[in-house]
Amino acid sequence: MKIGYTVQGQAEQQQLIQAGCCEVVSKKVCLSEVESFEQFIMANQDKAMVVVGLSSIGNKLTSIELFSVLTLIQKEKLDVTFLGVQKLYDISSQVYMKIIIQLVQHDKEAMSLRTIEGLAKSREEGVKSGRPAITPDLISKINYYRETKGYTIREIAYECNVSTGTAYKYSRKEKSVEQSLTNQLG
């Protein structure tokens, strides 16, 4: 029994019915495109599944999301046919998926290399990445505002030009260090 899947609408549903699908399933509104298609393939593992093309799986899929879906199909050895591929090229859906998976793997590796090279170039140019360091002077200033002035965390964050999370974190750190010293001495 053939079952079709699409996110495209009526025209594609008709193509799937003409291709012999007894039922055509559309994307579930409450799920993302990937989640909806993964749920579809897991629920229909015992059936011959048919899609018109990659856009039938999802209009907004990135190559990495597509990679996860296609590797799931390949790993589970599911019967999925891509109608558009068979019309345009003289290759099977399995060969088509292998080609797409290899292209996406190459794309992922190229992205990773570009990122590594970009970070190395930035370091060579003196660009610092990550969060700015919190100096002991700034920690003292945070605690001065908290202990002496009685400022709120939000006021401290504004005065010290840090996030409220940073102001909270360092106002507590100094206190816990002081408390542990007091407890040890006292």
N, C-alpha and C. Protein backbone atom coordinates (compact mmCIF):
# COMPACT_ATOMS: atom_id res chain seq x y z
N MET A 1 0.83 -1.17 0.00
CA MET A 1 0.00 0.00 0.00
C MET A 1 0.89 1.25 0.00
N LYS A 2 0.58 2.19 -0.89
CA LYS A 2 1.33 3.44 -0.98
C LYS A 2 0.62 4.53 -0.20
N ILE A 3 1.44 5.34 0.49
CA ILE A 3 0.91 6.48 1.23
C ILE A 3 1.77 7.70 0.90
N GLY A 4 1.12 8.80 0.60
CA GLY A 4 1.84 10.01 0.21
C GLY A 4 1.93 11.02 1.33
N TYR A 5 2.89 11.94 1.18
CA TYR A 5 3.07 13.01 2.17
C TYR A 5 3.40 14.30 1.44
N THR A 6 2.82 15.40 1.90
CA THR A 6 3.12 16.69 1.30
C THR A 6 2.85 17.83 2.27
N VAL A 7 3.56 18.93 2.04
CA VAL A 7 3.25 20.19 2.73
C VAL A 7 2.78 21.21 1.70
N GLN A 8 2.68 20.80 0.44
CA GLN A 8 2.45 21.72 -0.68
C GLN A 8 1.00 22.05 -0.98
N GLY A 9 0.08 21.15 -0.76
CA GLY A 9 -1.32 21.47 -1.05
C GLY A 9 -1.97 20.56 -2.08
N GLN A 10 -3.09 21.05 -2.66
CA GLN A 10 -3.96 20.27 -3.54
C GLN A 10 -3.26 19.70 -4.78
N ALA A 11 -2.49 20.53 -5.48
CA ALA A 11 -1.86 20.06 -6.73
C ALA A 11 -0.97 18.85 -6.46
N GLU A 12 -0.19 18.91 -5.40
CA GLU A 12 0.71 17.80 -5.09
C GLU A 12 -0.08 16.61 -4.56
N GLN A 13 -1.15 16.86 -3.84
CA GLN A 13 -1.98 15.76 -3.38
C GLN A 13 -2.54 14.98 -4.57
N GLN A 14 -2.95 15.70 -5.62
CA GLN A 14 -3.44 15.05 -6.84
C GLN A 14 -2.35 14.22 -7.50
N GLN A 15 -1.13 14.74 -7.56
CA GLN A 15 -0.01 13.98 -8.14
C GLN A 15 0.21 12.68 -7.38
N LEU A 16 0.12 12.75 -6.07
CA LEU A 16 0.34 11.57 -5.25
C LEU A 16 -0.77 10.53 -5.45
N ILE A 17 -2.00 11.01 -5.58
CA ILE A 17 -3.12 10.10 -5.83
C ILE A 17 -2.96 9.44 -7.21
N GLN A 18 -2.54 10.24 -8.21
CA GLN A 18 -2.29 9.70 -9.56
C GLN A 18 -1.14 8.69 -9.56
N ALA A 19 -0.21 8.84 -8.62
CA ALA A 19 0.92 7.91 -8.52
C ALA A 19 0.53 6.62 -7.79
N GLY A 20 -0.74 6.52 -7.38
CA GLY A 20 -1.22 5.29 -6.77
C GLY A 20 -1.31 5.29 -5.25
N CYS A 21 -1.19 6.44 -4.65
CA CYS A 21 -1.31 6.52 -3.19
C CYS A 21 -2.77 6.37 -2.77
N CYS A 22 -3.01 5.49 -1.83
CA CYS A 22 -4.36 5.28 -1.30
C CYS A 22 -4.74 6.39 -0.32
N GLU A 23 -3.71 6.99 0.28
CA GLU A 23 -3.94 8.03 1.28
C GLU A 23 -2.83 9.07 1.13
N VAL A 24 -3.16 10.33 1.37
CA VAL A 24 -2.17 11.41 1.35
C VAL A 24 -2.26 12.15 2.68
N VAL A 25 -1.11 12.25 3.33
CA VAL A 25 -1.03 12.90 4.63
C VAL A 25 -0.38 14.26 4.45
N SER A 26 -0.92 15.27 5.14
CA SER A 26 -0.35 16.62 5.11
C SER A 26 0.35 16.91 6.43
N LYS A 27 1.18 17.93 6.43
CA LYS A 27 1.92 18.35 7.62
C LYS A 27 0.95 18.65 8.76
N LYS A 28 1.30 18.19 9.95
CA LYS A 28 0.50 18.51 11.13
C LYS A 28 0.81 19.94 11.55
N VAL A 29 -0.22 20.74 11.72
CA VAL A 29 -0.08 22.16 12.02
C VAL A 29 0.69 22.40 13.32
N CYS A 30 0.48 21.55 14.30
CA CYS A 30 1.08 21.76 15.62
C CYS A 30 2.56 21.37 15.68
N LEU A 31 3.09 20.77 14.63
CA LEU A 31 4.49 20.32 14.61
C LEU A 31 5.31 21.09 13.59
N SER A 32 6.63 21.08 13.78
CA SER A 32 7.51 21.67 12.76
C SER A 32 7.53 20.74 11.55
N GLU A 33 8.06 21.23 10.45
CA GLU A 33 8.11 20.40 9.23
C GLU A 33 8.89 19.11 9.47
N VAL A 34 10.00 19.21 10.15
CA VAL A 34 10.83 18.03 10.41
C VAL A 34 10.09 17.05 11.32
N GLU A 35 9.54 17.57 12.42
CA GLU A 35 8.83 16.70 13.36
C GLU A 35 7.64 16.01 12.70
N SER A 36 6.91 16.74 11.88
CA SER A 36 5.75 16.18 11.21
C SER A 36 6.15 15.06 10.26
N PHE A 37 7.20 15.28 9.46
CA PHE A 37 7.63 14.26 8.52
C PHE A 37 8.23 13.06 9.24
N GLU A 38 9.02 13.30 10.28
CA GLU A 38 9.58 12.18 11.05
C GLU A 38 8.47 11.34 11.67
N GLN A 39 7.45 11.99 12.20
CA GLN A 39 6.31 11.27 12.77
C GLN A 39 5.61 10.44 11.68
N PHE A 40 5.47 11.04 10.50
CA PHE A 40 4.85 10.34 9.37
C PHE A 40 5.64 9.08 9.00
N ILE A 41 6.96 9.21 8.85
CA ILE A 41 7.74 8.03 8.42
C ILE A 41 7.80 6.96 9.50
N MET A 42 7.82 7.37 10.77
CA MET A 42 7.86 6.37 11.84
C MET A 42 6.51 5.64 11.96
N ALA A 43 5.42 6.33 11.66
CA ALA A 43 4.09 5.72 11.75
C ALA A 43 3.78 4.84 10.54
N ASN A 44 4.53 5.02 9.46
CA ASN A 44 4.22 4.29 8.22
C ASN A 44 5.39 3.45 7.71
N GLN A 45 6.19 2.93 8.62
CA GLN A 45 7.37 2.16 8.24
C GLN A 45 7.05 0.93 7.39
N ASP A 46 5.88 0.37 7.59
CA ASP A 46 5.51 -0.85 6.88
C ASP A 46 4.87 -0.58 5.52
N LYS A 47 4.78 0.70 5.13
CA LYS A 47 4.13 1.07 3.87
C LYS A 47 5.15 1.67 2.91
N ALA A 48 4.78 1.69 1.64
CA ALA A 48 5.58 2.37 0.63
C ALA A 48 5.20 3.85 0.68
N MET A 49 6.16 4.68 1.05
CA MET A 49 5.88 6.12 1.20
C MET A 49 6.31 6.85 -0.06
N VAL A 50 5.52 7.87 -0.44
CA VAL A 50 5.78 8.60 -1.67
C VAL A 50 5.73 10.10 -1.37
N VAL A 51 6.74 10.82 -1.88
CA VAL A 51 6.74 12.28 -1.86
C VAL A 51 7.10 12.75 -3.26
N VAL A 52 6.67 13.93 -3.62
CA VAL A 52 6.97 14.43 -4.97
C VAL A 52 8.43 14.87 -5.05
N GLY A 53 8.89 15.61 -4.05
CA GLY A 53 10.27 16.08 -4.03
C GLY A 53 10.66 16.52 -2.63
N LEU A 54 11.85 17.08 -2.50
CA LEU A 54 12.32 17.52 -1.19
C LEU A 54 11.43 18.61 -0.59
N SER A 55 10.89 19.48 -1.43
CA SER A 55 10.02 20.54 -0.92
C SER A 55 8.70 19.97 -0.40
N SER A 56 8.38 18.74 -0.76
CA SER A 56 7.18 18.09 -0.24
C SER A 56 7.34 17.75 1.24
N ILE A 57 8.59 17.57 1.66
CA ILE A 57 8.89 17.27 3.06
C ILE A 57 8.77 18.55 3.88
N GLY A 58 9.25 19.66 3.31
CA GLY A 58 9.17 20.93 4.01
C GLY A 58 9.76 22.06 3.18
N ASN A 59 9.07 23.18 3.16
CA ASN A 59 9.54 24.34 2.39
C ASN A 59 10.71 25.05 3.05
N LYS A 60 10.78 24.97 4.38
CA LYS A 60 11.76 25.76 5.11
C LYS A 60 12.88 24.91 5.71
N LEU A 61 13.04 23.69 5.26
CA LEU A 61 14.06 22.81 5.82
C LEU A 61 15.46 23.29 5.43
N THR A 62 16.36 23.30 6.41
CA THR A 62 17.76 23.56 6.11
C THR A 62 18.40 22.25 5.66
N SER A 63 19.58 22.35 5.10
CA SER A 63 20.25 21.13 4.64
C SER A 63 20.54 20.20 5.82
N ILE A 64 20.82 20.75 6.98
CA ILE A 64 21.12 19.92 8.15
C ILE A 64 19.86 19.19 8.63
N GLU A 65 18.71 19.87 8.62
CA GLU A 65 17.46 19.20 8.99
C GLU A 65 17.12 18.12 7.97
N LEU A 66 17.34 18.41 6.72
CA LEU A 66 17.10 17.44 5.66
C LEU A 66 18.01 16.23 5.85
N PHE A 67 19.25 16.48 6.23
CA PHE A 67 20.22 15.41 6.48
C PHE A 67 19.70 14.45 7.53
N SER A 68 19.16 14.98 8.64
CA SER A 68 18.67 14.11 9.71
C SER A 68 17.50 13.25 9.24
N VAL A 69 16.63 13.83 8.44
CA VAL A 69 15.47 13.08 7.93
C VAL A 69 15.91 11.98 6.96
N LEU A 70 16.80 12.33 6.03
CA LEU A 70 17.23 11.35 5.03
C LEU A 70 18.07 10.24 5.65
N THR A 71 18.90 10.56 6.63
CA THR A 71 19.68 9.51 7.29
C THR A 71 18.78 8.59 8.10
N LEU A 72 17.70 9.14 8.66
CA LEU A 72 16.73 8.30 9.36
C LEU A 72 16.09 7.31 8.39
N ILE A 73 15.70 7.80 7.22
CA ILE A 73 15.11 6.94 6.19
C ILE A 73 16.09 5.85 5.79
N GLN A 74 17.34 6.25 5.58
CA GLN A 74 18.37 5.31 5.14
C GLN A 74 18.68 4.29 6.24
N LYS A 75 18.82 4.77 7.48
CA LYS A 75 19.16 3.90 8.62
C LYS A 75 18.07 2.86 8.86
N GLU A 76 16.82 3.28 8.77
CA GLU A 76 15.69 2.37 9.02
C GLU A 76 15.34 1.54 7.78
N LYS A 77 16.05 1.80 6.66
CA LYS A 77 15.82 1.10 5.38
C LYS A 77 14.35 1.18 4.98
N LEU A 78 13.82 2.41 5.01
CA LEU A 78 12.42 2.62 4.68
C LEU A 78 12.23 2.77 3.18
N ASP A 79 11.04 2.44 2.73
CA ASP A 79 10.70 2.52 1.31
C ASP A 79 10.08 3.89 1.03
N VAL A 80 10.91 4.84 0.59
CA VAL A 80 10.43 6.18 0.26
C VAL A 80 10.79 6.48 -1.19
N THR A 81 9.79 6.89 -1.97
CA THR A 81 10.00 7.21 -3.37
C THR A 81 9.83 8.71 -3.58
N PHE A 82 10.76 9.29 -4.34
CA PHE A 82 10.67 10.70 -4.73
C PHE A 82 10.23 10.75 -6.18
N LEU A 83 8.96 11.11 -6.42
CA LEU A 83 8.40 11.11 -7.78
C LEU A 83 9.15 12.04 -8.72
N GLY A 84 9.45 13.24 -8.28
CA GLY A 84 10.11 14.23 -9.12
C GLY A 84 11.46 13.76 -9.63
N VAL A 85 12.16 13.00 -8.83
CA VAL A 85 13.49 12.49 -9.21
C VAL A 85 13.35 11.48 -10.33
N GLN A 86 12.39 10.60 -10.22
CA GLN A 86 12.21 9.57 -11.23
C GLN A 86 11.78 10.17 -12.56
N LYS A 87 11.04 11.29 -12.52
CA LYS A 87 10.62 11.93 -13.76
C LYS A 87 11.78 12.66 -14.43
N LEU A 88 12.62 13.32 -13.62
CA LEU A 88 13.71 14.13 -14.17
C LEU A 88 14.98 13.34 -14.49
N TYR A 89 15.29 12.38 -13.64
CA TYR A 89 16.56 11.66 -13.78
C TYR A 89 16.29 10.16 -13.83
N ASP A 90 17.22 9.45 -14.37
CA ASP A 90 17.07 8.00 -14.46
C ASP A 90 17.82 7.35 -13.29
N ILE A 91 17.42 7.72 -12.05
CA ILE A 91 18.04 7.13 -10.86
C ILE A 91 16.96 6.76 -9.85
N SER A 92 17.30 5.84 -8.97
CA SER A 92 16.34 5.43 -7.95
C SER A 92 16.32 6.45 -6.81
N SER A 93 15.28 6.36 -6.02
CA SER A 93 15.16 7.24 -4.85
C SER A 93 16.29 6.99 -3.86
N GLN A 94 16.73 5.74 -3.75
CA GLN A 94 17.82 5.40 -2.83
C GLN A 94 19.12 6.08 -3.25
N VAL A 95 19.43 6.04 -4.53
CA VAL A 95 20.63 6.69 -5.06
C VAL A 95 20.52 8.20 -4.86
N TYR A 96 19.35 8.74 -5.13
CA TYR A 96 19.10 10.17 -4.95
C TYR A 96 19.37 10.59 -3.50
N MET A 97 18.84 9.81 -2.55
CA MET A 97 19.05 10.14 -1.13
C MET A 97 20.53 10.06 -0.77
N LYS A 98 21.23 9.07 -1.29
CA LYS A 98 22.67 8.96 -1.00
C LYS A 98 23.43 10.18 -1.53
N ILE A 99 23.06 10.65 -2.70
CA ILE A 99 23.71 11.84 -3.27
C ILE A 99 23.43 13.06 -2.40
N ILE A 100 22.17 13.24 -2.02
CA ILE A 100 21.79 14.39 -1.18
C ILE A 100 22.53 14.32 0.16
N ILE A 101 22.58 13.14 0.77
CA ILE A 101 23.26 12.98 2.06
C ILE A 101 24.74 13.34 1.93
N GLN A 102 25.39 12.89 0.85
CA GLN A 102 26.80 13.23 0.64
C GLN A 102 26.99 14.73 0.45
N LEU A 103 26.09 15.37 -0.28
CA LEU A 103 26.19 16.82 -0.48
C LEU A 103 26.02 17.56 0.84
N VAL A 104 25.09 17.13 1.65
CA VAL A 104 24.85 17.79 2.93
C VAL A 104 26.03 17.55 3.88
N GLN A 105 26.59 16.34 3.88
CA GLN A 105 27.77 16.06 4.70
C GLN A 105 28.92 16.98 4.29
N HIS A 106 29.10 17.13 2.99
CA HIS A 106 30.15 18.04 2.49
C HIS A 106 29.86 19.47 2.94
N ASP A 107 28.61 19.88 2.85
CA ASP A 107 28.22 21.23 3.26
C ASP A 107 28.50 21.46 4.75
N LYS A 108 28.19 20.47 5.59
CA LYS A 108 28.45 20.58 7.02
C LYS A 108 29.94 20.70 7.30
N GLU A 109 30.74 19.89 6.62
CA GLU A 109 32.19 19.94 6.81
C GLU A 109 32.76 21.27 6.34
N ALA A 110 32.26 21.77 5.20
CA ALA A 110 32.73 23.06 4.67
C ALA A 110 32.36 24.19 5.63
N MET A 111 31.15 24.15 6.19
CA MET A 111 30.72 25.16 7.16
C MET A 111 31.63 25.15 8.39
N SER A 112 31.95 23.97 8.85
CA SER A 112 32.81 23.82 10.02
C SER A 112 34.20 24.39 9.73
N LEU A 113 34.76 24.07 8.58
CA LEU A 113 36.08 24.59 8.20
C LEU A 113 36.06 26.11 8.08
N ARG A 114 35.01 26.66 7.46
CA ARG A 114 34.91 28.12 7.33
C ARG A 114 34.84 28.78 8.70
N THR A 115 34.13 28.17 9.62
CA THR A 115 34.02 28.72 10.97
C THR A 115 35.37 28.70 11.67
N ILE A 116 36.06 27.58 11.59
CA ILE A 116 37.39 27.46 12.22
C ILE A 116 38.36 28.48 11.62
N GLU A 117 38.36 28.59 10.29
CA GLU A 117 39.24 29.55 9.63
C GLU A 117 38.89 30.98 10.01
N GLY A 118 37.60 31.30 10.08
CA GLY A 118 37.16 32.65 10.45
C GLY A 118 37.57 33.01 11.87
N LEU A 119 37.44 32.06 12.79
CA LEU A 119 37.84 32.30 14.18
C LEU A 119 39.35 32.50 14.28
N ALA A 120 40.12 31.68 13.53
CA ALA A 120 41.58 31.82 13.54
C ALA A 120 42.00 33.17 12.98
N LYS A 121 41.37 33.60 11.90
CA LYS A 121 41.68 34.90 11.30
C LYS A 121 41.35 36.03 12.27
N SER A 122 40.22 35.93 12.93
CA SER A 122 39.83 36.94 13.91
C SER A 122 40.84 37.03 15.04
N ARG A 123 41.30 35.86 15.53
CA ARG A 123 42.30 35.85 16.61
C ARG A 123 43.60 36.51 16.14
N GLU A 124 44.01 36.22 14.89
CA GLU A 124 45.23 36.84 14.33
C GLU A 124 45.09 38.35 14.27
N GLU A 125 43.88 38.82 13.99
CA GLU A 125 43.63 40.27 13.88
C GLU A 125 43.40 40.91 15.25
N GLY A 126 43.46 40.11 16.31
CA GLY A 126 43.32 40.65 17.65
C GLY A 126 41.88 40.79 18.14
N VAL A 127 40.95 40.26 17.40
CA VAL A 127 39.55 40.33 17.82
C VAL A 127 39.32 39.29 18.91
N LYS A 128 38.77 39.74 20.00
CA LYS A 128 38.49 38.83 21.11
C LYS A 128 37.07 38.31 20.99
N SER A 129 36.90 37.03 21.25
CA SER A 129 35.55 36.46 21.21
C SER A 129 35.16 36.03 22.62
N GLY A 130 33.90 35.83 22.80
CA GLY A 130 33.40 35.41 24.10
C GLY A 130 32.98 36.60 24.95
N ARG A 131 32.67 36.32 26.18
CA ARG A 131 32.23 37.37 27.10
C ARG A 131 33.41 38.18 27.59
N PRO A 132 33.17 39.45 27.86
CA PRO A 132 34.26 40.26 28.42
C PRO A 132 34.58 39.79 29.84
N ALA A 133 35.86 39.91 30.22
CA ALA A 133 36.28 39.49 31.55
C ALA A 133 35.75 40.45 32.61
N ILE A 134 35.45 39.91 33.76
CA ILE A 134 35.01 40.72 34.90
C ILE A 134 36.25 40.91 35.78
N THR A 135 36.65 42.13 35.98
CA THR A 135 37.86 42.43 36.76
C THR A 135 37.54 42.44 38.25
N PRO A 136 38.56 42.24 39.07
CA PRO A 136 38.35 42.33 40.52
C PRO A 136 37.81 43.70 40.93
N ASP A 137 38.25 44.77 40.24
CA ASP A 137 37.73 46.11 40.55
C ASP A 137 36.23 46.19 40.31
N LEU A 138 35.78 45.59 39.22
CA LEU A 138 34.35 45.60 38.91
C LEU A 138 33.56 44.81 39.96
N ILE A 139 34.12 43.69 40.39
CA ILE A 139 33.47 42.89 41.43
C ILE A 139 33.36 43.70 42.73
N SER A 140 34.44 44.41 43.06
CA SER A 140 34.41 45.26 44.26
C SER A 140 33.37 46.36 44.12
N LYS A 141 33.28 46.94 42.92
CA LYS A 141 32.30 48.00 42.66
C LYS A 141 30.87 47.46 42.81
N ILE A 142 30.64 46.27 42.28
CA ILE A 142 29.32 45.63 42.40
C ILE A 142 28.97 45.45 43.86
N ASN A 143 29.92 44.94 44.64
CA ASN A 143 29.66 44.70 46.05
C ASN A 143 29.55 45.99 46.85
N TYR A 144 30.28 47.01 46.46
CA TYR A 144 30.18 48.32 47.11
C TYR A 144 28.75 48.85 46.96
N TYR A 145 28.23 48.81 45.74
CA TYR A 145 26.87 49.29 45.50
C TYR A 145 25.85 48.45 46.27
N ARG A 146 26.08 47.17 46.37
CA ARG A 146 25.13 46.27 47.03
C ARG A 146 25.17 46.46 48.56
N GLU A 147 26.39 46.42 49.12
CA GLU A 147 26.53 46.45 50.57
C GLU A 147 26.41 47.86 51.15
N THR A 148 27.13 48.80 50.55
CA THR A 148 27.20 50.15 51.13
C THR A 148 26.02 51.01 50.71
N LYS A 149 25.72 51.01 49.44
CA LYS A 149 24.67 51.90 48.93
C LYS A 149 23.28 51.26 48.99
N GLY A 150 23.24 49.92 49.09
CA GLY A 150 21.96 49.23 49.15
C GLY A 150 21.21 49.20 47.83
N TYR A 151 21.95 49.29 46.73
CA TYR A 151 21.33 49.28 45.40
C TYR A 151 20.69 47.92 45.12
N THR A 152 19.69 47.95 44.28
CA THR A 152 19.09 46.70 43.80
C THR A 152 19.99 46.12 42.71
N ILE A 153 19.77 44.88 42.38
CA ILE A 153 20.56 44.23 41.33
C ILE A 153 20.42 45.00 40.01
N ARG A 154 19.23 45.42 39.70
CA ARG A 154 18.99 46.16 38.46
C ARG A 154 19.77 47.48 38.45
N GLU A 155 19.79 48.19 39.57
CA GLU A 155 20.53 49.46 39.66
C GLU A 155 22.04 49.22 39.53
N ILE A 156 22.51 48.14 40.16
CA ILE A 156 23.93 47.80 40.06
C ILE A 156 24.30 47.50 38.62
N ALA A 157 23.47 46.71 37.96
CA ALA A 157 23.72 46.36 36.56
C ALA A 157 23.81 47.61 35.70
N TYR A 158 22.91 48.55 35.93
CA TYR A 158 22.91 49.80 35.16
C TYR A 158 24.17 50.61 35.44
N GLU A 159 24.51 50.78 36.71
CA GLU A 159 25.67 51.59 37.09
C GLU A 159 26.99 50.98 36.61
N CYS A 160 27.08 49.66 36.63
CA CYS A 160 28.33 48.97 36.28
C CYS A 160 28.38 48.54 34.82
N ASN A 161 27.30 48.79 34.09
CA ASN A 161 27.23 48.42 32.67
C ASN A 161 27.44 46.91 32.46
N VAL A 162 26.73 46.11 33.27
CA VAL A 162 26.75 44.65 33.14
C VAL A 162 25.31 44.17 33.14
N SER A 163 25.13 42.90 32.82
CA SER A 163 23.78 42.34 32.85
C SER A 163 23.33 42.14 34.29
N THR A 164 22.03 41.99 34.48
CA THR A 164 21.53 41.74 35.83
C THR A 164 22.04 40.40 36.35
N GLY A 165 22.18 39.43 35.45
CA GLY A 165 22.72 38.12 35.84
C GLY A 165 24.14 38.23 36.37
N THR A 166 24.96 39.05 35.71
CA THR A 166 26.34 39.25 36.15
C THR A 166 26.36 39.97 37.50
N ALA A 167 25.55 41.00 37.63
CA ALA A 167 25.49 41.74 38.91
C ALA A 167 25.07 40.80 40.04
N TYR A 168 24.09 39.98 39.79
CA TYR A 168 23.60 39.04 40.80
C TYR A 168 24.67 38.01 41.14
N LYS A 169 25.28 37.46 40.12
CA LYS A 169 26.30 36.42 40.31
C LYS A 169 27.45 36.92 41.17
N TYR A 170 27.98 38.09 40.84
CA TYR A 170 29.15 38.57 41.56
C TYR A 170 28.81 39.21 42.90
N SER A 171 27.62 39.68 43.09
CA SER A 171 27.26 40.19 44.41
C SER A 171 27.11 39.02 45.38
N ARG A 172 26.71 37.90 44.89
CA ARG A 172 26.57 36.70 45.72
C ARG A 172 27.91 36.03 45.97
N LYS A 173 28.81 36.04 44.96
CA LYS A 173 30.11 35.38 45.10
C LYS A 173 30.91 36.00 46.23
N GLU A 174 30.99 37.32 46.21
CA GLU A 174 31.77 38.04 47.22
C GLU A 174 31.20 37.75 48.61
N LYS A 175 29.86 37.74 48.72
CA LYS A 175 29.22 37.47 50.00
C LYS A 175 29.57 36.08 50.50
N SER A 176 29.49 35.09 49.60
CA SER A 176 29.75 33.71 50.02
C SER A 176 31.20 33.52 50.41
N VAL A 177 32.14 34.24 49.76
CA VAL A 177 33.55 34.17 50.13
C VAL A 177 33.73 34.79 51.51
N GLU A 178 33.12 35.97 51.73
CA GLU A 178 33.21 36.65 53.01
C GLU A 178 32.59 35.80 54.11
N GLN A 179 31.44 35.19 53.84
CA GLN A 179 30.77 34.37 54.84
C GLN A 179 31.61 33.16 55.22
N SER A 180 32.21 32.52 54.24
CA SER A 180 33.01 31.35 54.53
C SER A 180 34.26 31.73 55.32
N LEU A 181 34.87 32.90 55.03
CA LEU A 181 36.01 33.37 55.81
C LEU A 181 35.59 33.70 57.24
N THR A 182 34.44 34.35 57.38
CA THR A 182 33.92 34.70 58.71
C THR A 182 33.64 33.45 59.52
N ASN A 183 33.05 32.46 58.86
CA ASN A 183 32.73 31.22 59.54
C ASN A 183 34.00 30.49 59.99
N GLN A 184 35.03 30.53 59.15
CA GLN A 184 36.29 29.85 59.49
C GLN A 184 37.00 30.56 60.63
N LEU A 185 36.96 31.90 60.61
CA LEU A 185 37.66 32.67 61.65
C LEU A 185 36.85 32.75 62.95
N GLY A 186 35.55 32.81 62.80
CA GLY A 186 34.67 33.10 63.93
C GLY A 186 34.31 31.92 64.72
